[in-house]
Each structure stands twice: as structure tokens, then as C-alpha cells.
């Protein structure tokens, strides 16, 4: 009888998870998506006179890179880019973010420069990321046109020439459209492919939420807030703890559980990470822009403590220098993020917020990174300055203390509520590991056979 009950339970659990498993289905991609994936990995669009060839996939590495498993990002703090100068080693301005979930965004790049994926792709394919210098966009368009028109399909897995793929997928005649139109069509296909790179919702956190009947997401469109979510979560957990019935998937131990409570801890709680204010589920990002102190820490490391505050006090207008990598020999250079693009019509301005306050809040503000598969997206932050999750957490610890003590008044107000200590770092890091997704079979095991009850003691 026991075996029969377990068998029925497993069958029931399998039915329960059929919907989440849909994202793993191996259906044939749509023609435009298949074309976009091929373009994404093609290295022939880079400047042929540069030292090496590159593609979108060179920096946004799918599955596995030279240094191991990846999640559509590379392993470099700042990615290498082609150069036509002998001996020169050039790197991107910023770290390559993961593309998982990018199709849901409304603004793109760390600083929100682009309002669409297509605009970003067009710029990158004709810019320095592909080895093209300023003023060489016409040459880049010529190269793209030449590759697409002359391709015979020999390098494609399908052996189909690009011309035939463009006609089938987008009804575009490669031979007759203008170079600008061909670039736009290529960008559209790549954007459609990137839009398919969605989270699978198969992390141990997802399994934990399922097992304990926790609403898995913040419903912002319905007026739900991170604080509301945290309240519901802790209400449910307290109920479960009182009955000694907090269920957890395999490897989700008491340290990770403590980290979960710190992560979701909000103002007034003993362990208060306030991480949920910006990193809320299901994607663990608000897709907004905040100054969390990363640019300031980098600038001060080169020019001395307090230098960044003085730099901001003398700001005038955006320039190339305010969208640059900080340089010890040139104190005018700093990376000020979205401030460079925060115009009067910005949708990011809060209701009733005066222009001067909005502009001040956007100084050194960068997009909140999605905490999906953190083990496969290191190093961290827009400058790739933090090699481990522990390093990144310590930066937030320092910034929170600086905000509370008014040592840095330029930080986002939410940072003052980040009140964690060195003792909290191992638990938070353990919880972040619970955001790494697994395959469908492993996830089924997590919510069926691979479960256990946390035995406390509960703090």
C-alpha cells in the first residue's frame, strides 16, 4: 500500500509540474528564431582586419565557454573586443550581462541606453564590439551585406544559404533590400531569438516555494509590492515553522533557509537584507536603475575616499567622460550609468518627482541585474569587479553602512535599509546558490523524491 501511495503521489507531482516543464520542450524553433540563432553565433560580421573574429555569442556565451558552464555571458570582468591595432588589447566598457529574460525588458544595456533589443543589436553589430571604429558603420554594413549575400549555407547546420532563410523567415530579399534594411532585418531575427531565452523556473528556490505553497512572484501590475510579498512569505514561513513542517528540496539546508530570510528581510526585522526591494521574484530584478555604490567604490579606489562625491558635486552635462571606464590618470572619467540618458520624458521618474531629484537619483544608477543562475554569470556588477557572490554581497554591506551613516548621500534610499553583517554573508551566498536552475528531470526529483523537512532550530 505504501508503494502504491508513493507511486500515485509521484504521478500527481508530475502532473503538477507539466506547465513549468513546457519551457524545456524541444519543439522546432520558428523560422525567424532559427535565423536569429544562426546570426547570433556567426563570427563573420566582425571587422575582417581585426585581430580576431567575434559574434554576439562570443560575449553572451550559451551553455559552455572556455572556462566552463555559462548562462549567456562570458567569464570576463569586461569582454575582449577586436582591435585592428597590432598588440592592442581592448575591452568593453562593462561586464556582459546574461540574456536570460532579456525579452521581457523595456530598456536595454546596463545604463538603459536602448529602448529595444533591435536598436541594441544594430548598434553593436556596427560598433566597437564587432571591431568597427567610430565612423566605420558604412564599412560594417557593407560587410554584413557581403556575408549574407554570398553565403552558400556551407557553414550552417541546415546547409541552407542565408538568402533562402531571410526569404522564408522574414520575406526579405537579401539581394534587393538596402543595407540599412538588411541590418534591421538581421537585428529583428536576433531579437526574436533572444526573446526565447526565458527562465525555466526550475531553481531550488522555485521548488521551495512550490513545496511550501508560497506565491512565487510579486505581481507589480496588480499593485503588489516587494514589501507585500515579504509579508506574505514570512507569514507562511512562521506558520510552517510553528508546525515544524518547512519543506525543502535536496541541498536546500538551514544555512540557505537563513539566507532566504535575510534576503527577504525588510525594515524592522532583525536580519534585514532588504534585497527584495530591488531583486524580487520571479526574475529577482525590478528592471529599474539604482545607484548601489559600485561606480563610487571603483572611482574612490583610484582617486581616494570621498573623491566620487566631489566629482558628482561638480557635474554639468553628460559627455564621453561620464560614460567611460574610470582612469587613475584622468579624474574626469567615470561611469554614471543611466544619468547619461535620463531625459525629461523618462518613464523612470516617480510620480511628482522634481527633475533635480530625479537626475540626482539617476547618477551612477545601473539596471538591477536578474539573479538567475548566479553560479553561471560571474563576475558580478556592471564593471565585473566582484569575482564571487560573497564579494558582491560585501559591497552591498559597505554601501548600506555608508548610506545609514550618511557617509554617501548619493546612494539610492533603499541602500540605507540594507543592514547586514559579515556573519550574514555565508547564509546569503548559500541562498543565492538556490537560484541556479536545473534540468527538467532534476527539478521533478526536487519536488518529489528529493525533499526533506527542515528541523530547525528556527531563528
Protein backbone atom coordinates (compact mmCIF):
# COMPACT_ATOMS: atom_id res chain seq x y z
CA UNK A 1 0.00 0.00 0.00
CA UNK A 2 2.85 2.39 0.87
CA UNK A 3 4.48 1.83 -2.50
CA UNK A 4 1.15 2.40 -4.28
CA UNK A 5 0.58 5.68 -2.41
CA UNK A 6 4.09 6.86 -3.28
CA UNK A 7 3.51 5.92 -6.93
CA UNK A 8 0.24 7.87 -7.06
CA UNK A 9 1.93 10.84 -5.33
CA UNK A 10 4.75 10.87 -7.88
CA UNK A 11 2.24 10.76 -10.73
CA UNK A 12 0.32 13.63 -9.18
CA UNK A 13 3.51 15.66 -8.75
CA UNK A 14 4.46 15.03 -12.36
CA UNK A 15 1.10 16.39 -13.48
CA UNK A 16 1.55 19.43 -11.24
CA UNK A 17 4.81 20.38 -12.91
CA UNK A 18 3.76 19.85 -16.54
CA UNK A 19 3.22 23.58 -17.10
CA UNK A 20 6.68 24.70 -15.87
CA UNK A 21 8.27 21.95 -17.95
CA UNK A 22 6.86 23.46 -21.17
CA UNK A 23 9.81 25.82 -21.46
CA UNK A 24 12.08 22.77 -21.83
CA UNK A 25 10.16 21.36 -24.78
CA UNK A 26 12.38 20.69 -27.80
CA UNK A 27 9.94 21.93 -30.45
CA UNK A 28 11.41 23.15 -33.73
CA UNK A 29 12.04 26.91 -33.49
CA UNK A 30 10.12 29.35 -35.68
CA UNK A 31 11.98 30.31 -38.87
CA UNK A 32 12.83 33.82 -37.61
CA UNK A 33 14.10 32.40 -34.30
CA UNK A 34 16.25 29.82 -36.08
CA UNK A 35 17.66 32.54 -38.33
CA UNK A 36 18.32 34.74 -35.31
CA UNK A 37 20.18 31.95 -33.51
CA UNK A 38 22.38 31.41 -36.54
CA UNK A 39 23.14 35.13 -36.86
CA UNK A 40 23.80 35.29 -33.10
CA UNK A 41 26.68 32.84 -33.39
CA UNK A 42 28.15 33.89 -36.75
CA UNK A 43 31.64 35.45 -36.42
CA UNK A 44 31.82 36.72 -40.00
CA UNK A 45 30.18 40.09 -39.32
CA UNK A 46 33.14 41.43 -37.36
CA UNK A 47 35.82 43.63 -38.94
CA UNK A 48 37.95 41.28 -41.11
CA UNK A 49 41.01 43.45 -40.45
CA UNK A 50 40.88 42.94 -36.68
CA UNK A 51 42.97 40.52 -34.65
CA UNK A 52 40.17 38.03 -34.10
CA UNK A 53 36.57 37.43 -35.10
CA UNK A 54 33.64 37.78 -32.77
CA UNK A 55 29.87 37.35 -32.57
CA UNK A 56 27.04 38.00 -30.15
CA UNK A 57 27.72 34.56 -28.69
CA UNK A 58 31.37 35.42 -28.01
CA UNK A 59 30.37 37.62 -25.06
CA UNK A 60 26.92 36.13 -24.37
CA UNK A 61 28.15 32.55 -24.29
CA UNK A 62 25.43 29.89 -24.43
CA UNK A 63 25.78 26.81 -22.21
CA UNK A 64 29.57 26.33 -22.08
CA UNK A 65 32.56 28.63 -22.58
CA UNK A 66 36.32 28.22 -22.33
CA UNK A 67 36.13 28.45 -18.54
CA UNK A 68 33.14 26.19 -18.01
CA UNK A 69 29.32 26.39 -17.94
CA UNK A 70 27.81 29.80 -18.71
CA UNK A 71 24.38 31.40 -18.91
CA UNK A 72 24.61 33.66 -21.98
CA UNK A 73 27.53 35.65 -20.61
CA UNK A 74 31.27 35.16 -20.61
CA UNK A 75 33.69 34.82 -17.69
CA UNK A 76 35.47 38.15 -18.09
CA UNK A 77 35.03 41.28 -15.95
CA UNK A 78 34.97 43.20 -19.24
CA UNK A 79 34.82 41.29 -22.51
CA UNK A 80 37.58 41.33 -25.09
CA UNK A 81 36.72 43.11 -28.33
CA UNK A 82 38.51 43.01 -31.68
CA UNK A 83 41.15 45.58 -32.49
CA UNK A 84 42.87 46.37 -35.79
CA UNK A 85 45.89 47.80 -33.97
CA UNK A 86 48.77 45.36 -33.59
CA UNK A 87 49.33 44.39 -29.97
CA UNK A 88 46.35 46.35 -28.68
CA UNK A 89 44.07 44.69 -26.14
CA UNK A 90 40.66 46.31 -25.97
CA UNK A 91 37.81 45.52 -23.62
CA UNK A 92 34.19 46.54 -23.42
CA UNK A 93 33.10 49.34 -21.13
CA UNK A 94 31.12 46.94 -18.96
CA UNK A 95 30.56 43.34 -18.00
CA UNK A 96 28.38 41.26 -20.33
CA UNK A 97 25.03 40.61 -18.61
CA UNK A 98 23.10 37.38 -19.02
CA UNK A 99 20.47 37.42 -21.77
CA UNK A 100 18.12 35.10 -19.90
CA UNK A 101 14.84 37.00 -19.54
CA UNK A 102 16.01 39.89 -21.75
CA UNK A 103 12.93 39.58 -23.94
CA UNK A 104 10.79 40.97 -21.08
CA UNK A 105 12.82 44.15 -20.64
CA UNK A 106 11.75 47.61 -21.73
CA UNK A 107 15.22 49.20 -21.66
CA UNK A 108 18.48 47.52 -22.59
CA UNK A 109 22.15 47.66 -21.65
CA UNK A 110 23.37 48.30 -18.12
CA UNK A 111 22.57 52.00 -18.47
CA UNK A 112 19.30 51.67 -20.39
CA UNK A 113 20.62 53.41 -23.48
CA UNK A 114 18.43 51.40 -25.83
CA UNK A 115 14.65 51.14 -25.87
CA UNK A 116 14.55 47.91 -27.89
CA UNK A 117 16.61 44.80 -28.47
CA UNK A 118 16.72 45.62 -32.18
CA UNK A 119 18.30 49.02 -31.51
CA UNK A 120 20.94 47.43 -29.29
CA UNK A 121 21.82 44.76 -31.87
CA UNK A 122 22.05 47.26 -34.72
CA UNK A 123 24.45 49.40 -32.71
CA UNK A 124 26.64 46.51 -31.54
CA UNK A 125 26.95 44.89 -34.98
CA UNK A 126 28.22 48.13 -36.50
CA UNK A 127 30.27 49.30 -33.49
CA UNK A 128 33.37 48.55 -31.48
CA UNK A 129 32.05 45.23 -30.15
CA UNK A 130 32.50 43.87 -33.67
CA UNK A 131 35.76 45.67 -34.28
CA UNK A 132 34.38 48.71 -36.11
CA UNK A 133 35.77 52.11 -35.16
CA UNK A 134 33.64 55.28 -34.95
CA UNK A 135 32.91 56.39 -38.49
CA UNK A 136 33.16 52.87 -39.92
CA UNK A 137 29.46 51.98 -39.81
CA UNK A 138 29.21 52.11 -43.62
CA UNK A 139 32.01 49.54 -43.88
CA UNK A 140 30.22 47.39 -41.31
CA UNK A 141 27.01 47.49 -43.35
CA UNK A 142 28.93 46.51 -46.46
CA UNK A 143 30.49 43.56 -44.65
CA UNK A 144 27.13 42.35 -43.33
CA UNK A 145 25.60 42.63 -46.81
CA UNK A 146 28.53 40.79 -48.41
CA UNK A 147 28.41 37.91 -45.94
CA UNK A 148 24.65 37.44 -46.20
CA UNK A 149 24.50 37.73 -49.99
CA UNK A 150 27.43 35.40 -50.70
CA UNK A 151 26.70 32.76 -48.07
CA UNK A 152 26.09 29.33 -49.62
CA UNK A 153 24.97 27.58 -46.45
CA UNK A 154 28.13 25.53 -46.15
CA UNK A 155 28.78 26.69 -42.56
CA UNK A 156 25.17 26.25 -41.44
CA UNK A 157 23.92 23.09 -39.75
CA UNK A 158 20.95 23.15 -42.15
CA UNK A 159 23.17 23.86 -45.20
CA UNK A 160 20.61 26.49 -46.23
CA UNK A 161 22.00 29.80 -47.62
CA UNK A 162 21.19 32.96 -45.68
CA UNK A 163 19.28 34.37 -48.67
CA UNK A 164 16.80 31.49 -48.53
CA UNK A 165 16.45 31.76 -44.74
CA UNK A 166 15.75 35.50 -44.86
CA UNK A 167 13.12 34.97 -47.54
CA UNK A 168 11.39 32.19 -45.63
CA UNK A 169 11.62 33.74 -42.16
CA UNK A 170 11.12 37.45 -42.84
CA UNK A 171 10.15 37.70 -46.53
CA UNK A 172 13.31 39.73 -47.11
CA UNK A 173 15.18 39.60 -50.42
CA UNK A 174 18.84 39.88 -49.40
CA UNK A 175 19.91 40.94 -52.89
CA UNK A 176 17.49 43.82 -53.35
CA UNK A 177 16.95 45.49 -49.94
CA UNK A 178 19.14 48.35 -48.78
CA UNK A 179 22.00 47.73 -46.39
CA UNK A 180 20.14 49.53 -43.59
CA UNK A 181 17.06 47.38 -44.19
CA UNK A 182 19.18 44.24 -44.15
CA UNK A 183 20.75 45.24 -40.83
CA UNK A 184 17.28 45.94 -39.42
CA UNK A 185 16.05 42.52 -40.56
CA UNK A 186 19.09 40.83 -39.03
CA UNK A 187 18.55 42.67 -35.74
CA UNK A 188 14.87 41.68 -35.74
CA UNK A 189 15.74 38.00 -36.14
CA UNK A 190 18.39 38.11 -33.40
CA UNK A 191 15.95 39.90 -31.08
CA UNK A 192 13.32 37.22 -31.72
CA UNK A 193 15.86 34.56 -30.80
CA UNK A 194 16.96 36.37 -27.63
CA UNK A 195 13.30 36.75 -26.62
CA UNK A 196 13.08 32.94 -26.40
CA UNK A 197 15.82 32.78 -23.76
CA UNK A 198 13.41 32.62 -20.85
CA UNK A 199 13.96 31.39 -17.28
CA UNK A 200 12.82 27.82 -16.71
CA UNK A 201 11.66 28.48 -13.11
CA UNK A 202 13.46 25.32 -12.06
CA UNK A 203 15.75 26.53 -9.30
CA UNK A 204 15.72 25.15 -5.77
CA UNK A 205 14.04 28.38 -4.70
CA UNK A 206 11.18 27.60 -7.11
CA UNK A 207 10.96 24.10 -5.66
CA UNK A 208 10.98 25.53 -2.12
CA UNK A 209 8.15 27.94 -2.99
CA UNK A 210 6.15 25.12 -4.57
CA UNK A 211 6.59 22.77 -1.62
CA UNK A 212 5.57 25.40 0.93
CA UNK A 213 2.73 26.89 -1.13
CA UNK A 214 4.35 30.29 -1.39
CA UNK A 215 3.18 32.66 -4.10
CA UNK A 216 6.23 32.56 -6.39
CA UNK A 217 6.16 36.14 -7.66
CA UNK A 218 5.49 39.80 -6.97
CA UNK A 219 2.53 40.92 -9.11
CA UNK A 220 3.55 44.51 -9.75
CA UNK A 221 0.87 45.01 -12.42
CA UNK A 222 -1.77 44.29 -9.76
CA UNK A 223 -0.31 46.77 -7.27
CA UNK A 224 1.61 44.14 -5.34
CA UNK A 225 4.86 45.39 -3.80
CA UNK A 226 8.04 43.69 -2.59
CA UNK A 227 7.04 44.59 0.97
CA UNK A 228 3.65 42.91 0.44
CA UNK A 229 5.37 39.82 -0.89
CA UNK A 230 7.82 39.69 2.01
CA UNK A 231 4.92 39.96 4.45
CA UNK A 232 3.09 37.05 2.85
CA UNK A 233 6.24 34.96 2.67
CA UNK A 234 7.12 35.43 6.34
CA UNK A 235 3.53 34.81 7.37
CA UNK A 236 3.60 31.50 5.57
CA UNK A 237 7.02 30.55 6.91
CA UNK A 238 6.08 31.33 10.51
CA UNK A 239 3.04 29.11 10.13
CA UNK A 240 5.19 26.31 8.72
CA UNK A 241 7.85 26.71 11.41
CA UNK A 242 5.23 26.55 14.15
CA UNK A 243 4.11 23.20 12.82
CA UNK A 244 7.68 22.00 12.18
CA UNK A 245 6.74 21.46 8.54
CA UNK A 246 9.04 23.71 6.48
CA UNK A 247 9.71 21.56 3.43
CA UNK A 248 12.81 21.95 1.31
CA UNK A 249 14.29 20.36 -1.81
CA UNK A 250 17.57 18.48 -1.86
CA UNK A 251 20.58 20.61 -0.74
CA UNK A 252 18.34 23.44 0.49
CA UNK A 253 19.65 23.38 4.06
CA UNK A 254 19.26 25.53 7.16
CA UNK A 255 22.03 27.90 6.05
CA UNK A 256 20.22 28.58 2.76
CA UNK A 257 16.94 28.97 4.69
CA UNK A 258 18.55 31.54 6.96
CA UNK A 259 19.84 33.31 3.86
CA UNK A 260 16.36 33.34 2.36
CA UNK A 261 15.00 35.09 5.44
CA UNK A 262 17.82 37.67 5.37
CA UNK A 263 17.30 38.24 1.64
CA UNK A 264 13.58 38.92 2.10
CA UNK A 265 14.06 40.70 5.43
CA UNK A 266 12.66 44.23 5.29
CA UNK A 267 12.68 47.32 7.51
CA UNK A 268 12.22 46.49 11.18
CA UNK A 269 13.38 42.88 11.03
CA UNK A 270 16.35 41.60 13.00
CA UNK A 271 18.11 40.29 9.89
CA UNK A 272 17.44 42.89 7.24
CA UNK A 273 18.95 42.40 3.81
CA UNK A 274 16.23 44.38 2.02
CA UNK A 275 17.43 42.62 -1.15
CA UNK A 276 13.82 42.02 -2.17
CA UNK A 277 13.28 45.77 -2.61
CA UNK A 278 15.06 45.56 -5.98
CA UNK A 279 15.60 41.84 -6.54
CA UNK A 280 12.10 40.48 -6.32
CA UNK A 281 10.83 37.22 -7.80
CA UNK A 282 10.22 35.59 -10.13
CA UNK A 283 13.25 37.02 -12.03
CA UNK A 284 14.79 38.64 -8.94
CA UNK A 285 15.00 42.08 -10.53
CA UNK A 286 12.76 45.14 -10.74
CA UNK A 287 14.29 46.05 -14.14
CA UNK A 288 14.88 49.56 -12.80
CA UNK A 289 18.02 51.60 -12.21
CA UNK A 290 19.68 52.26 -8.86
CA UNK A 291 22.92 53.68 -7.53
CA UNK A 292 24.12 50.93 -5.21
CA UNK A 293 27.61 52.35 -4.82
CA UNK A 294 29.50 50.24 -7.36
CA UNK A 295 30.69 53.14 -9.54
CA UNK A 296 31.59 55.19 -6.47
CA UNK A 297 33.64 52.38 -4.98
CA UNK A 298 35.54 51.91 -8.24
CA UNK A 299 36.19 55.65 -8.62
CA UNK A 300 37.31 56.09 -4.99
CA UNK A 301 39.67 53.12 -5.29
CA UNK A 302 41.57 55.12 -7.92
CA UNK A 303 41.26 58.68 -6.60
CA UNK A 304 40.88 58.30 -2.85
CA UNK A 305 37.96 58.04 -0.39
CA UNK A 306 35.30 60.70 -0.91
CA UNK A 307 36.50 61.59 -4.41
CA UNK A 308 33.35 60.34 -6.13
CA UNK A 309 31.10 62.56 -4.03
CA UNK A 310 33.18 65.60 -5.01
CA UNK A 311 33.05 64.50 -8.65
CA UNK A 312 29.25 64.33 -8.59
CA UNK A 313 29.01 67.74 -6.90
CA UNK A 314 30.67 69.32 -9.94
CA UNK A 315 28.67 67.53 -12.64
CA UNK A 316 27.41 69.53 -15.58
CA UNK A 317 26.17 67.66 -18.66
CA UNK A 318 26.62 64.09 -19.94
CA UNK A 319 29.68 63.56 -22.11
CA UNK A 320 32.01 60.80 -23.26
CA UNK A 321 33.84 61.24 -19.95
CA UNK A 322 30.71 60.42 -17.91
CA UNK A 323 30.24 57.17 -19.80
CA UNK A 324 33.80 55.90 -19.51
CA UNK A 325 35.87 53.49 -17.53
CA UNK A 326 37.42 55.29 -14.54
CA UNK A 327 41.08 56.13 -15.12
CA UNK A 328 43.65 56.91 -12.43
CA UNK A 329 45.40 59.32 -14.80
CA UNK A 330 42.17 61.14 -15.75
CA UNK A 331 39.77 62.02 -12.91
CA UNK A 332 37.20 63.37 -15.40
CA UNK A 333 36.31 59.80 -16.40
CA UNK A 334 33.58 57.93 -14.57
CA UNK A 335 30.70 55.66 -15.45
CA UNK A 336 27.47 57.38 -14.44
CA UNK A 337 25.06 54.85 -15.89
CA UNK A 338 21.51 55.89 -16.71
CA UNK A 339 22.14 59.54 -15.83
CA UNK A 340 23.63 59.85 -19.31
CA UNK A 341 20.23 59.05 -20.84
CA UNK A 342 17.73 60.23 -18.20
CA UNK A 343 15.91 62.88 -20.22
CA UNK A 344 12.91 64.96 -19.14
CA UNK A 345 10.47 62.45 -20.66
CA UNK A 346 11.95 59.44 -18.87
CA UNK A 347 9.29 56.93 -17.70
CA UNK A 348 11.54 56.14 -14.72
CA UNK A 349 10.68 59.38 -12.94
CA UNK A 350 8.44 58.77 -9.94
CA UNK A 351 5.08 60.48 -9.84
CA UNK A 352 5.52 64.05 -8.63
CA UNK A 353 9.32 63.76 -8.52
CA UNK A 354 11.08 67.03 -9.31
CA UNK A 355 13.57 66.98 -12.18
CA UNK A 356 16.54 67.80 -9.95
CA UNK A 357 15.78 64.93 -7.57
CA UNK A 358 15.25 62.51 -10.43
CA UNK A 359 18.54 63.50 -12.03
CA UNK A 360 20.35 63.13 -8.70
CA UNK A 361 18.84 59.67 -8.20
CA UNK A 362 19.98 58.55 -11.66
CA UNK A 363 23.65 59.45 -11.14
CA UNK A 364 25.65 56.20 -11.31
CA UNK A 365 22.39 54.25 -11.49
CA UNK A 366 22.53 50.90 -13.28
CA UNK A 367 19.97 48.27 -14.08
CA UNK A 368 19.24 45.80 -11.32
CA UNK A 369 20.76 42.51 -12.54
CA UNK A 370 18.48 39.48 -12.55
CA UNK A 371 19.74 36.96 -10.00
CA UNK A 372 19.14 33.99 -12.27
CA UNK A 373 21.79 31.25 -12.35
CA UNK A 374 24.33 33.32 -10.39
CA UNK A 375 26.87 30.48 -10.45
CA UNK A 376 27.00 30.84 -14.25
CA UNK A 377 27.15 34.64 -14.53
CA UNK A 378 30.23 35.65 -12.53
CA UNK A 379 31.99 38.05 -12.16
CA UNK A 380 29.35 40.46 -10.91
CA UNK A 381 28.06 44.02 -11.29
CA UNK A 382 28.30 46.28 -14.33
CA UNK A 383 32.08 46.52 -14.03
CA UNK A 384 32.70 42.85 -13.23
CA UNK A 385 34.68 43.95 -10.17
CA UNK A 386 33.41 41.24 -7.82
CA UNK A 387 34.60 37.71 -8.53
CA UNK A 388 32.27 35.89 -6.11
CA UNK A 389 28.80 36.35 -4.69
CA UNK A 390 30.43 36.91 -1.31
CA UNK A 391 32.47 39.80 -2.77
CA UNK A 392 29.34 41.34 -4.28
CA UNK A 393 27.43 40.97 -1.01
CA UNK A 394 30.21 42.67 0.93
CA UNK A 395 29.99 45.64 -1.41
CA UNK A 396 26.28 45.91 -0.59
CA UNK A 397 27.13 45.60 3.12
CA UNK A 398 29.61 48.50 2.85
CA UNK A 399 27.18 50.61 0.82
CA UNK A 400 24.36 50.02 3.30
CA UNK A 401 26.52 51.15 6.17
CA UNK A 402 27.68 54.23 4.25
CA UNK A 403 24.08 55.17 3.46
CA UNK A 404 22.87 54.74 7.05
CA UNK A 405 25.76 56.80 8.41
CA UNK A 406 25.24 59.46 5.69
CA UNK A 407 28.81 58.95 4.53
CA UNK A 408 27.47 58.65 0.98
CA UNK A 409 24.35 60.68 0.30
CA UNK A 410 24.38 59.82 -3.42
CA UNK A 411 23.20 56.23 -2.90
CA UNK A 412 19.68 55.02 -3.62
CA UNK A 413 17.50 55.43 -0.49
CA UNK A 414 16.85 51.67 -0.38
CA UNK A 415 20.53 51.09 0.41
CA UNK A 416 20.10 52.57 3.89
CA UNK A 417 17.80 49.62 4.68
CA UNK A 418 20.45 47.06 3.73
CA UNK A 419 21.65 46.20 7.22
CA UNK A 420 23.75 43.06 7.09
CA UNK A 421 27.00 41.99 8.73
CA UNK A 422 29.87 39.72 7.81
CA UNK A 423 28.10 36.95 9.74
CA UNK A 424 25.19 37.15 7.27
CA UNK A 425 27.32 36.73 4.14
CA UNK A 426 27.64 32.88 4.15
CA UNK A 427 23.89 32.44 4.55
CA UNK A 428 23.04 34.94 1.81
CA UNK A 429 25.56 33.32 -0.53
CA UNK A 430 24.03 29.91 0.22
CA UNK A 431 20.57 31.22 -0.67
CA UNK A 432 21.81 32.76 -3.92
CA UNK A 433 23.03 29.29 -4.89
CA UNK A 434 19.40 28.19 -4.62
CA UNK A 435 18.62 30.41 -7.64
CA UNK A 436 20.61 28.21 -10.03
CA UNK A 437 18.26 26.39 -12.38
CA UNK A 438 18.39 22.65 -13.04
CA UNK A 439 17.13 20.41 -15.84
CA UNK A 440 13.56 19.07 -16.02
CA UNK A 441 14.34 15.61 -14.62
CA UNK A 442 16.33 17.08 -11.75
CA UNK A 443 13.53 19.53 -10.97
CA UNK A 444 10.94 16.75 -10.87
CA UNK A 445 13.18 14.97 -8.41
CA UNK A 446 13.50 18.12 -6.28
CA UNK A 447 9.76 18.42 -5.75
CA UNK A 448 9.04 14.72 -5.44
CA UNK A 449 11.62 12.30 -4.04
CA UNK A 450 14.35 14.83 -3.20
CA UNK A 451 12.53 16.64 -0.39
CA UNK A 452 13.05 16.88 3.34
CA UNK A 453 11.71 18.80 6.33
CA UNK A 454 13.95 21.44 7.88
CA UNK A 455 14.40 20.59 11.53
CA UNK A 456 15.49 23.98 12.88
CA UNK A 457 16.25 25.49 15.25
CA UNK A 458 14.46 28.45 13.65
CA UNK A 459 15.62 31.96 14.50
